[in-house]
């Protein structure tokens, strides 16, 4: 949104992150004393948004990731894949302009990882979010529009993925 970050205070930067940025971590980062529903609601509650609207949106997102029936379970009562789906719902609740996903499938078995990949890409497309995905999985990287490879902290390759067809606008 062309917001210059350097002149902002730490609190102002936190507000920008809360309004415009979503995060999915490899280790889920769920609050253990909150239910799945409450974990998803946290970003909007921190903003002071109305509880009823936040609750409805959180439930809708949990439904969209296949966890509507698990909304009142605590993280310890959920599998790793279920915890990651809660984290994805939480990341998308604020309809971020940009989503950072750090090894979102790194702690998951292959089948669950593929399901999580599909969820992230589907929600990404539905919400029109810019996705920045960090991965060591070349097959996952090939599903992205652009691949930037780092070596020793330096960019050594920047390319567009061959597997992605050019996207065209059919109507406005």
N, C-alpha and C. Protein backbone atom coordinates (compact mmCIF):
# COMPACT_ATOMS: atom_id res chain seq x y z
N UNK A 1 0.82 -1.21 0.00
CA UNK A 1 0.00 0.00 0.00
C UNK A 1 0.85 1.26 0.00
N UNK A 2 2.09 1.13 -0.39
CA UNK A 2 3.00 2.28 -0.45
C UNK A 2 3.11 3.01 0.88
N UNK A 3 3.20 2.26 1.95
CA UNK A 3 3.36 2.84 3.27
C UNK A 3 4.84 2.83 3.61
N UNK A 4 5.47 4.00 3.76
CA UNK A 4 6.89 4.02 4.15
C UNK A 4 7.02 3.53 5.59
N UNK A 5 7.84 2.51 5.80
CA UNK A 5 7.96 1.90 7.12
C UNK A 5 9.03 2.54 8.00
N UNK A 6 10.08 3.06 7.41
CA UNK A 6 11.19 3.61 8.20
C UNK A 6 10.78 4.68 9.19
N UNK A 7 9.93 5.65 8.82
CA UNK A 7 9.60 6.69 9.79
C UNK A 7 8.60 6.26 10.87
N UNK A 8 8.05 5.05 10.75
CA UNK A 8 7.04 4.61 11.70
C UNK A 8 7.66 4.11 13.00
N UNK A 9 6.94 4.31 14.09
CA UNK A 9 7.36 3.75 15.38
C UNK A 9 7.12 2.25 15.36
N UNK A 10 7.64 1.54 16.33
CA UNK A 10 7.43 0.08 16.40
C UNK A 10 5.94 -0.24 16.52
N UNK A 11 5.21 0.54 17.31
CA UNK A 11 3.76 0.31 17.45
C UNK A 11 3.04 0.54 16.12
N UNK A 12 3.44 1.56 15.39
CA UNK A 12 2.82 1.83 14.09
C UNK A 12 3.15 0.72 13.09
N UNK A 13 4.37 0.20 13.13
CA UNK A 13 4.73 -0.93 12.25
C UNK A 13 3.93 -2.17 12.61
N UNK A 14 3.72 -2.39 13.90
CA UNK A 14 2.91 -3.53 14.34
C UNK A 14 1.48 -3.39 13.82
N UNK A 15 0.97 -2.18 13.82
CA UNK A 15 -0.38 -1.94 13.29
C UNK A 15 -0.44 -2.23 11.79
N UNK A 16 0.58 -1.83 11.05
CA UNK A 16 0.65 -2.12 9.61
C UNK A 16 0.68 -3.63 9.40
N UNK A 17 1.50 -4.34 10.17
CA UNK A 17 1.56 -5.81 10.05
C UNK A 17 0.20 -6.42 10.33
N UNK A 18 -0.47 -5.94 11.36
CA UNK A 18 -1.76 -6.51 11.74
C UNK A 18 -2.82 -6.28 10.67
N UNK A 19 -2.76 -5.15 9.99
CA UNK A 19 -3.78 -4.82 8.99
C UNK A 19 -3.48 -5.37 7.61
N UNK A 20 -2.21 -5.51 7.25
CA UNK A 20 -1.86 -5.79 5.86
C UNK A 20 -1.03 -7.04 5.62
N UNK A 21 -0.56 -7.70 6.68
CA UNK A 21 0.37 -8.81 6.51
C UNK A 21 -0.14 -10.04 7.26
N UNK A 22 0.00 -11.20 6.62
CA UNK A 22 -0.32 -12.46 7.27
C UNK A 22 0.94 -13.30 7.36
N UNK A 23 1.00 -14.18 8.34
CA UNK A 23 2.17 -15.04 8.54
C UNK A 23 1.73 -16.48 8.76
N UNK A 24 2.41 -17.41 8.10
CA UNK A 24 2.26 -18.84 8.37
C UNK A 24 3.66 -19.36 8.67
N UNK A 25 3.82 -19.92 9.86
CA UNK A 25 5.13 -20.39 10.30
C UNK A 25 5.22 -21.91 10.20
N UNK A 26 6.42 -22.42 10.10
CA UNK A 26 6.64 -23.86 10.06
C UNK A 26 6.14 -24.53 11.34
N UNK A 27 6.27 -23.85 12.46
CA UNK A 27 5.92 -24.43 13.76
C UNK A 27 4.58 -23.96 14.30
N UNK A 28 3.71 -23.47 13.45
CA UNK A 28 2.31 -23.12 13.73
C UNK A 28 2.12 -21.89 14.61
N UNK A 29 2.83 -21.79 15.73
CA UNK A 29 2.75 -20.63 16.63
C UNK A 29 1.32 -20.36 17.12
N UNK A 30 0.61 -21.41 17.52
CA UNK A 30 -0.72 -21.25 18.09
C UNK A 30 -0.61 -21.04 19.59
N UNK A 31 -1.56 -20.29 20.15
CA UNK A 31 -1.59 -20.07 21.60
C UNK A 31 -2.23 -21.31 22.23
N UNK A 32 -1.48 -22.05 23.07
CA UNK A 32 -1.98 -23.34 23.57
C UNK A 32 -3.22 -23.25 24.45
N UNK A 33 -3.47 -22.11 25.08
CA UNK A 33 -4.62 -21.96 25.97
C UNK A 33 -5.86 -21.45 25.25
N UNK A 34 -5.77 -21.26 23.93
CA UNK A 34 -6.91 -20.81 23.13
C UNK A 34 -7.38 -21.93 22.21
N UNK A 35 -8.68 -21.97 21.96
CA UNK A 35 -9.22 -22.95 21.01
C UNK A 35 -8.81 -22.57 19.60
N UNK A 36 -9.08 -23.47 18.65
CA UNK A 36 -8.80 -23.17 17.25
C UNK A 36 -9.51 -21.89 16.83
N UNK A 37 -10.77 -21.76 17.19
CA UNK A 37 -11.55 -20.57 16.85
C UNK A 37 -10.91 -19.32 17.45
N UNK A 38 -10.56 -19.37 18.72
CA UNK A 38 -9.97 -18.21 19.39
C UNK A 38 -8.62 -17.85 18.78
N UNK A 39 -7.81 -18.85 18.40
CA UNK A 39 -6.53 -18.58 17.75
C UNK A 39 -6.73 -17.84 16.44
N UNK A 40 -7.73 -18.23 15.67
CA UNK A 40 -8.00 -17.57 14.38
C UNK A 40 -8.48 -16.14 14.61
N UNK A 41 -9.22 -15.90 15.67
CA UNK A 41 -9.78 -14.59 15.95
C UNK A 41 -8.76 -13.56 16.44
N UNK A 42 -7.64 -14.01 16.98
CA UNK A 42 -6.67 -13.13 17.65
C UNK A 42 -6.30 -11.88 16.84
N UNK A 43 -5.89 -11.98 15.57
CA UNK A 43 -5.45 -10.76 14.86
C UNK A 43 -6.52 -9.66 14.80
N UNK A 44 -7.78 -10.05 14.59
CA UNK A 44 -8.82 -9.03 14.51
C UNK A 44 -9.25 -8.55 15.89
N UNK A 45 -9.16 -9.40 16.88
CA UNK A 45 -9.46 -8.95 18.24
C UNK A 45 -8.42 -7.93 18.71
N UNK A 46 -7.16 -8.13 18.31
CA UNK A 46 -6.12 -7.16 18.65
C UNK A 46 -6.41 -5.79 18.03
N UNK A 47 -7.13 -5.81 16.93
CA UNK A 47 -7.52 -4.57 16.26
C UNK A 47 -8.73 -3.92 16.92
N UNK A 48 -9.41 -4.68 17.78
CA UNK A 48 -10.60 -4.15 18.45
C UNK A 48 -11.86 -4.27 17.63
N UNK A 49 -11.88 -5.18 16.66
CA UNK A 49 -13.08 -5.36 15.84
C UNK A 49 -14.15 -6.12 16.63
N UNK A 50 -15.41 -5.91 16.26
CA UNK A 50 -16.54 -6.52 16.96
C UNK A 50 -16.47 -8.03 17.00
N UNK A 51 -16.72 -8.59 18.17
CA UNK A 51 -16.57 -10.02 18.39
C UNK A 51 -17.48 -10.86 17.51
N UNK A 52 -18.73 -10.44 17.30
CA UNK A 52 -19.67 -11.24 16.50
C UNK A 52 -19.18 -11.38 15.07
N UNK A 53 -18.78 -10.28 14.44
CA UNK A 53 -18.29 -10.33 13.07
C UNK A 53 -17.00 -11.14 12.98
N UNK A 54 -16.12 -10.96 13.93
CA UNK A 54 -14.84 -11.68 13.95
C UNK A 54 -15.10 -13.17 14.10
N UNK A 55 -16.00 -13.52 14.98
CA UNK A 55 -16.34 -14.93 15.21
C UNK A 55 -16.90 -15.57 13.94
N UNK A 56 -17.80 -14.88 13.27
CA UNK A 56 -18.39 -15.41 12.03
C UNK A 56 -17.33 -15.60 10.96
N UNK A 57 -16.45 -14.63 10.80
CA UNK A 57 -15.38 -14.74 9.79
C UNK A 57 -14.43 -15.87 10.15
N UNK A 58 -14.07 -16.00 11.42
CA UNK A 58 -13.17 -17.07 11.86
C UNK A 58 -13.80 -18.44 11.62
N UNK A 59 -15.07 -18.59 11.94
CA UNK A 59 -15.76 -19.86 11.70
C UNK A 59 -15.81 -20.18 10.22
N UNK A 60 -16.05 -19.16 9.40
CA UNK A 60 -16.08 -19.36 7.94
C UNK A 60 -14.72 -19.83 7.43
N UNK A 61 -13.65 -19.23 7.91
CA UNK A 61 -12.31 -19.64 7.51
C UNK A 61 -11.99 -21.05 7.99
N UNK A 62 -12.39 -21.37 9.21
CA UNK A 62 -12.16 -22.74 9.70
C UNK A 62 -12.93 -23.74 8.85
N UNK A 63 -14.14 -23.39 8.44
CA UNK A 63 -14.90 -24.25 7.52
C UNK A 63 -14.13 -24.42 6.21
N UNK A 64 -13.59 -23.32 5.69
CA UNK A 64 -12.91 -23.36 4.39
C UNK A 64 -11.64 -24.21 4.43
N UNK A 65 -11.05 -24.38 5.62
CA UNK A 65 -9.87 -25.24 5.73
C UNK A 65 -10.23 -26.62 6.30
N UNK A 66 -11.53 -26.91 6.35
CA UNK A 66 -11.99 -28.23 6.76
C UNK A 66 -11.99 -28.49 8.25
N UNK A 67 -12.05 -27.43 9.06
CA UNK A 67 -12.00 -27.61 10.52
C UNK A 67 -13.19 -27.01 11.25
N UNK A 68 -14.29 -26.82 10.56
CA UNK A 68 -15.47 -26.26 11.20
C UNK A 68 -15.91 -27.06 12.42
N UNK A 69 -15.76 -28.38 12.34
CA UNK A 69 -16.17 -29.25 13.44
C UNK A 69 -15.12 -29.36 14.54
N UNK A 70 -13.99 -28.72 14.36
CA UNK A 70 -12.90 -28.80 15.35
C UNK A 70 -12.62 -27.42 15.98
N UNK A 71 -13.52 -26.47 15.77
CA UNK A 71 -13.27 -25.09 16.19
C UNK A 71 -13.08 -24.92 17.70
N UNK A 72 -13.64 -25.81 18.50
CA UNK A 72 -13.54 -25.67 19.95
C UNK A 72 -12.46 -26.56 20.56
N UNK A 73 -11.62 -27.12 19.71
CA UNK A 73 -10.51 -27.94 20.19
C UNK A 73 -9.27 -27.06 20.42
N UNK A 74 -8.48 -27.46 21.40
CA UNK A 74 -7.23 -26.77 21.70
C UNK A 74 -6.11 -27.35 20.84
N UNK A 75 -5.03 -26.61 20.61
CA UNK A 75 -3.95 -27.10 19.75
C UNK A 75 -3.45 -28.50 20.11
N UNK A 76 -3.36 -28.82 21.38
CA UNK A 76 -2.87 -30.15 21.77
C UNK A 76 -3.84 -31.26 21.37
N UNK A 77 -5.08 -30.90 21.05
CA UNK A 77 -6.08 -31.88 20.63
C UNK A 77 -6.14 -32.01 19.11
N UNK A 78 -5.27 -31.29 18.41
CA UNK A 78 -5.26 -31.29 16.95
C UNK A 78 -3.98 -31.92 16.43
N UNK A 79 -4.07 -32.55 15.26
CA UNK A 79 -2.87 -33.10 14.61
C UNK A 79 -2.02 -31.95 14.08
N UNK A 80 -0.80 -32.26 13.65
CA UNK A 80 0.06 -31.23 13.06
C UNK A 80 -0.57 -30.57 11.85
N UNK A 81 -1.18 -31.36 10.98
CA UNK A 81 -1.85 -30.81 9.81
C UNK A 81 -3.02 -29.92 10.18
N UNK A 82 -3.77 -30.32 11.20
CA UNK A 82 -4.90 -29.51 11.66
C UNK A 82 -4.40 -28.20 12.27
N UNK A 83 -3.32 -28.28 13.04
CA UNK A 83 -2.75 -27.05 13.62
C UNK A 83 -2.30 -26.10 12.51
N UNK A 84 -1.70 -26.64 11.45
CA UNK A 84 -1.25 -25.77 10.36
C UNK A 84 -2.45 -25.15 9.64
N UNK A 85 -3.56 -25.88 9.53
CA UNK A 85 -4.76 -25.31 8.91
C UNK A 85 -5.33 -24.18 9.77
N UNK A 86 -5.27 -24.32 11.09
CA UNK A 86 -5.69 -23.23 11.98
C UNK A 86 -4.78 -22.02 11.74
N UNK A 87 -3.48 -22.26 11.63
CA UNK A 87 -2.53 -21.17 11.39
C UNK A 87 -2.80 -20.48 10.06
N UNK A 88 -3.18 -21.24 9.05
CA UNK A 88 -3.50 -20.66 7.74
C UNK A 88 -4.76 -19.81 7.84
N UNK A 89 -5.78 -20.32 8.51
CA UNK A 89 -7.01 -19.54 8.69
C UNK A 89 -6.70 -18.24 9.43
N UNK A 90 -5.87 -18.33 10.47
CA UNK A 90 -5.48 -17.13 11.22
C UNK A 90 -4.74 -16.14 10.33
N UNK A 91 -3.87 -16.64 9.46
CA UNK A 91 -3.10 -15.76 8.58
C UNK A 91 -3.98 -15.02 7.59
N UNK A 92 -5.08 -15.64 7.18
CA UNK A 92 -5.94 -15.03 6.17
C UNK A 92 -7.10 -14.23 6.76
N UNK A 93 -7.30 -14.26 8.08
CA UNK A 93 -8.48 -13.60 8.66
C UNK A 93 -8.47 -12.09 8.44
N UNK A 94 -7.32 -11.48 8.38
CA UNK A 94 -7.27 -10.03 8.18
C UNK A 94 -7.20 -9.66 6.70
N UNK A 95 -7.45 -10.63 5.82
CA UNK A 95 -7.40 -10.42 4.37
C UNK A 95 -6.14 -9.64 3.99
N UNK A 96 -4.99 -10.25 4.27
CA UNK A 96 -3.73 -9.52 4.08
C UNK A 96 -3.42 -9.21 2.62
N UNK A 97 -2.72 -8.14 2.43
CA UNK A 97 -2.23 -7.79 1.09
C UNK A 97 -1.06 -8.69 0.73
N UNK A 98 -0.31 -9.10 1.75
CA UNK A 98 0.85 -9.97 1.54
C UNK A 98 0.88 -11.03 2.64
N UNK A 99 1.21 -12.25 2.25
CA UNK A 99 1.30 -13.36 3.19
C UNK A 99 2.69 -13.95 3.11
N UNK A 100 3.36 -14.02 4.25
CA UNK A 100 4.67 -14.67 4.34
C UNK A 100 4.46 -16.07 4.91
N UNK A 101 4.88 -17.08 4.16
CA UNK A 101 4.76 -18.47 4.60
C UNK A 101 6.16 -19.07 4.67
N UNK A 102 6.61 -19.37 5.88
CA UNK A 102 7.95 -19.90 6.11
C UNK A 102 7.88 -21.41 6.27
N UNK A 103 8.31 -22.14 5.25
CA UNK A 103 8.30 -23.61 5.27
C UNK A 103 6.96 -24.14 5.80
N UNK A 104 5.83 -23.75 5.20
CA UNK A 104 4.53 -24.12 5.75
C UNK A 104 4.23 -25.61 5.75
N UNK A 105 5.00 -26.39 4.98
CA UNK A 105 4.78 -27.84 4.94
C UNK A 105 5.95 -28.61 5.54
N UNK A 106 6.91 -27.91 6.09
CA UNK A 106 8.14 -28.52 6.57
C UNK A 106 7.97 -29.56 7.67
N UNK A 107 6.97 -29.39 8.54
CA UNK A 107 6.77 -30.32 9.65
C UNK A 107 5.67 -31.35 9.38
N UNK A 108 5.27 -31.49 8.13
CA UNK A 108 4.12 -32.33 7.81
C UNK A 108 4.50 -33.50 6.92
N UNK A 109 3.71 -34.57 6.99
CA UNK A 109 3.92 -35.69 6.08
C UNK A 109 3.53 -35.25 4.66
N UNK A 110 3.92 -36.02 3.66
CA UNK A 110 3.74 -35.63 2.26
C UNK A 110 2.29 -35.36 1.92
N UNK A 111 1.39 -36.26 2.29
CA UNK A 111 -0.03 -36.10 1.94
C UNK A 111 -0.62 -34.85 2.58
N UNK A 112 -0.35 -34.65 3.85
CA UNK A 112 -0.86 -33.46 4.55
C UNK A 112 -0.22 -32.21 3.97
N UNK A 113 1.07 -32.27 3.65
CA UNK A 113 1.76 -31.13 3.06
C UNK A 113 1.14 -30.71 1.74
N UNK A 114 0.78 -31.68 0.91
CA UNK A 114 0.14 -31.36 -0.38
C UNK A 114 -1.22 -30.71 -0.16
N UNK A 115 -1.95 -31.18 0.84
CA UNK A 115 -3.25 -30.58 1.17
C UNK A 115 -3.07 -29.13 1.64
N UNK A 116 -2.07 -28.90 2.47
CA UNK A 116 -1.78 -27.55 2.97
C UNK A 116 -1.37 -26.63 1.82
N UNK A 117 -0.53 -27.13 0.91
CA UNK A 117 -0.15 -26.34 -0.26
C UNK A 117 -1.38 -25.89 -1.03
N UNK A 118 -2.29 -26.82 -1.29
CA UNK A 118 -3.50 -26.49 -2.04
C UNK A 118 -4.32 -25.43 -1.30
N UNK A 119 -4.47 -25.58 0.00
CA UNK A 119 -5.21 -24.59 0.79
C UNK A 119 -4.59 -23.20 0.67
N UNK A 120 -3.28 -23.13 0.81
CA UNK A 120 -2.61 -21.82 0.74
C UNK A 120 -2.81 -21.19 -0.63
N UNK A 121 -2.59 -21.96 -1.69
CA UNK A 121 -2.74 -21.41 -3.03
C UNK A 121 -4.19 -21.05 -3.34
N UNK A 122 -5.15 -21.87 -2.88
CA UNK A 122 -6.56 -21.56 -3.11
C UNK A 122 -6.97 -20.28 -2.39
N UNK A 123 -6.63 -20.16 -1.11
CA UNK A 123 -6.97 -18.95 -0.36
C UNK A 123 -6.23 -17.74 -0.92
N UNK A 124 -5.00 -17.95 -1.33
CA UNK A 124 -4.21 -16.89 -1.95
C UNK A 124 -4.93 -16.34 -3.18
N UNK A 125 -5.42 -17.22 -4.02
CA UNK A 125 -6.12 -16.79 -5.23
C UNK A 125 -7.47 -16.15 -4.90
N UNK A 126 -8.22 -16.74 -3.98
CA UNK A 126 -9.53 -16.21 -3.61
C UNK A 126 -9.42 -14.80 -3.04
N UNK A 127 -8.39 -14.55 -2.24
CA UNK A 127 -8.27 -13.25 -1.57
C UNK A 127 -7.36 -12.28 -2.31
N UNK A 128 -6.72 -12.72 -3.38
CA UNK A 128 -5.86 -11.82 -4.15
C UNK A 128 -4.65 -11.35 -3.37
N UNK A 129 -4.12 -12.22 -2.54
CA UNK A 129 -2.98 -11.91 -1.69
C UNK A 129 -1.67 -12.17 -2.42
N UNK A 130 -0.68 -11.33 -2.19
CA UNK A 130 0.67 -11.62 -2.66
C UNK A 130 1.26 -12.63 -1.69
N UNK A 131 1.78 -13.73 -2.22
CA UNK A 131 2.34 -14.79 -1.39
C UNK A 131 3.85 -14.81 -1.52
N UNK A 132 4.53 -14.71 -0.38
CA UNK A 132 5.98 -14.88 -0.32
C UNK A 132 6.21 -16.16 0.47
N UNK A 133 6.70 -17.18 -0.23
CA UNK A 133 6.83 -18.50 0.35
C UNK A 133 8.30 -18.88 0.44
N UNK A 134 8.74 -19.28 1.61
CA UNK A 134 10.11 -19.74 1.80
C UNK A 134 10.07 -21.25 1.89
N UNK A 135 10.86 -21.92 1.04
CA UNK A 135 10.87 -23.37 1.05
C UNK A 135 12.19 -23.93 0.53
N UNK A 136 12.50 -25.13 0.95
CA UNK A 136 13.61 -25.88 0.39
C UNK A 136 13.09 -26.90 -0.62
N UNK A 137 11.76 -26.98 -0.76
CA UNK A 137 11.10 -27.95 -1.63
C UNK A 137 10.97 -27.36 -3.04
N UNK A 138 11.82 -27.81 -3.96
CA UNK A 138 11.82 -27.28 -5.32
C UNK A 138 10.49 -27.52 -6.03
N UNK A 139 9.84 -28.64 -5.76
CA UNK A 139 8.55 -28.92 -6.40
C UNK A 139 7.49 -27.91 -5.94
N UNK A 140 7.51 -27.56 -4.68
CA UNK A 140 6.60 -26.54 -4.17
C UNK A 140 6.94 -25.18 -4.79
N UNK A 141 8.21 -24.86 -4.86
CA UNK A 141 8.64 -23.58 -5.44
C UNK A 141 8.18 -23.46 -6.89
N UNK A 142 8.20 -24.56 -7.63
CA UNK A 142 7.79 -24.53 -9.04
C UNK A 142 6.32 -24.19 -9.23
N UNK A 143 5.53 -24.29 -8.17
CA UNK A 143 4.11 -23.94 -8.24
C UNK A 143 3.89 -22.43 -8.11
N UNK A 144 4.95 -21.71 -7.81
CA UNK A 144 4.87 -20.26 -7.65
C UNK A 144 5.17 -19.56 -8.97
N UNK A 145 4.75 -18.31 -9.07
CA UNK A 145 4.98 -17.53 -10.29
C UNK A 145 6.44 -17.14 -10.47
N UNK A 146 7.12 -16.92 -9.36
CA UNK A 146 8.50 -16.45 -9.42
C UNK A 146 9.31 -17.18 -8.37
N UNK A 147 10.54 -17.52 -8.72
CA UNK A 147 11.44 -18.21 -7.80
C UNK A 147 12.71 -17.39 -7.64
N UNK A 148 13.02 -17.05 -6.41
CA UNK A 148 14.27 -16.35 -6.10
C UNK A 148 15.09 -17.29 -5.22
N UNK A 149 16.24 -17.69 -5.71
CA UNK A 149 17.10 -18.61 -4.96
C UNK A 149 18.20 -17.83 -4.26
N UNK A 150 18.43 -18.20 -3.00
CA UNK A 150 19.48 -17.58 -2.19
C UNK A 150 20.58 -18.59 -1.91
N UNK A 151 21.79 -18.09 -1.83
CA UNK A 151 22.93 -18.90 -1.43
C UNK A 151 23.81 -18.02 -0.56
N UNK A 152 24.09 -18.48 0.65
CA UNK A 152 24.89 -17.70 1.60
C UNK A 152 24.33 -16.29 1.79
N UNK A 153 23.00 -16.20 1.83
CA UNK A 153 22.34 -14.92 2.07
C UNK A 153 22.28 -13.99 0.88
N UNK A 154 22.71 -14.43 -0.28
CA UNK A 154 22.73 -13.59 -1.48
C UNK A 154 21.85 -14.20 -2.56
N UNK A 155 21.17 -13.35 -3.33
CA UNK A 155 20.37 -13.82 -4.46
C UNK A 155 21.33 -14.30 -5.54
N UNK A 156 21.16 -15.55 -5.97
CA UNK A 156 22.00 -16.03 -7.07
C UNK A 156 21.17 -16.44 -8.27
N UNK A 157 19.84 -16.45 -8.13
CA UNK A 157 18.99 -16.74 -9.28
C UNK A 157 17.61 -16.13 -9.03
N UNK A 158 17.06 -15.52 -10.06
CA UNK A 158 15.74 -14.91 -9.99
C UNK A 158 15.04 -15.24 -11.30
N UNK A 159 14.03 -16.09 -11.24
CA UNK A 159 13.38 -16.53 -12.47
C UNK A 159 11.88 -16.69 -12.27
N UNK A 160 11.19 -16.74 -13.38
CA UNK A 160 9.76 -17.04 -13.36
C UNK A 160 9.60 -18.53 -13.56
N UNK A 161 8.73 -19.15 -12.78
CA UNK A 161 8.53 -20.59 -12.85
C UNK A 161 7.96 -20.97 -14.21
N UNK A 162 8.52 -22.01 -14.80
CA UNK A 162 8.08 -22.47 -16.11
C UNK A 162 6.72 -23.15 -16.05
N UNK A 163 6.37 -23.72 -14.92
CA UNK A 163 5.13 -24.49 -14.83
C UNK A 163 3.89 -23.61 -14.76
N UNK A 164 4.08 -22.30 -14.55
CA UNK A 164 2.94 -21.41 -14.43
C UNK A 164 2.58 -20.80 -15.77
N UNK A 165 1.33 -20.99 -16.23
CA UNK A 165 0.92 -20.32 -17.46
C UNK A 165 0.76 -18.83 -17.20
N UNK A 166 0.90 -18.04 -18.24
CA UNK A 166 0.69 -16.61 -18.09
C UNK A 166 -0.76 -16.36 -17.67
N UNK A 167 -0.96 -15.49 -16.72
CA UNK A 167 -2.31 -15.17 -16.26
C UNK A 167 -2.83 -13.99 -17.06
N UNK A 168 -4.05 -14.10 -17.51
CA UNK A 168 -4.65 -13.01 -18.28
C UNK A 168 -5.90 -12.53 -17.57
N UNK A 169 -6.23 -11.28 -17.79
CA UNK A 169 -7.45 -10.71 -17.24
C UNK A 169 -8.54 -10.87 -18.29
N UNK A 170 -9.62 -11.58 -17.95
CA UNK A 170 -10.69 -11.79 -18.90
C UNK A 170 -11.75 -10.71 -18.81
N UNK A 171 -11.91 -10.12 -17.65
CA UNK A 171 -12.88 -9.03 -17.50
C UNK A 171 -12.48 -8.17 -16.32
N UNK A 172 -12.99 -6.96 -16.34
CA UNK A 172 -12.69 -6.03 -15.26
C UNK A 172 -13.99 -5.53 -14.67
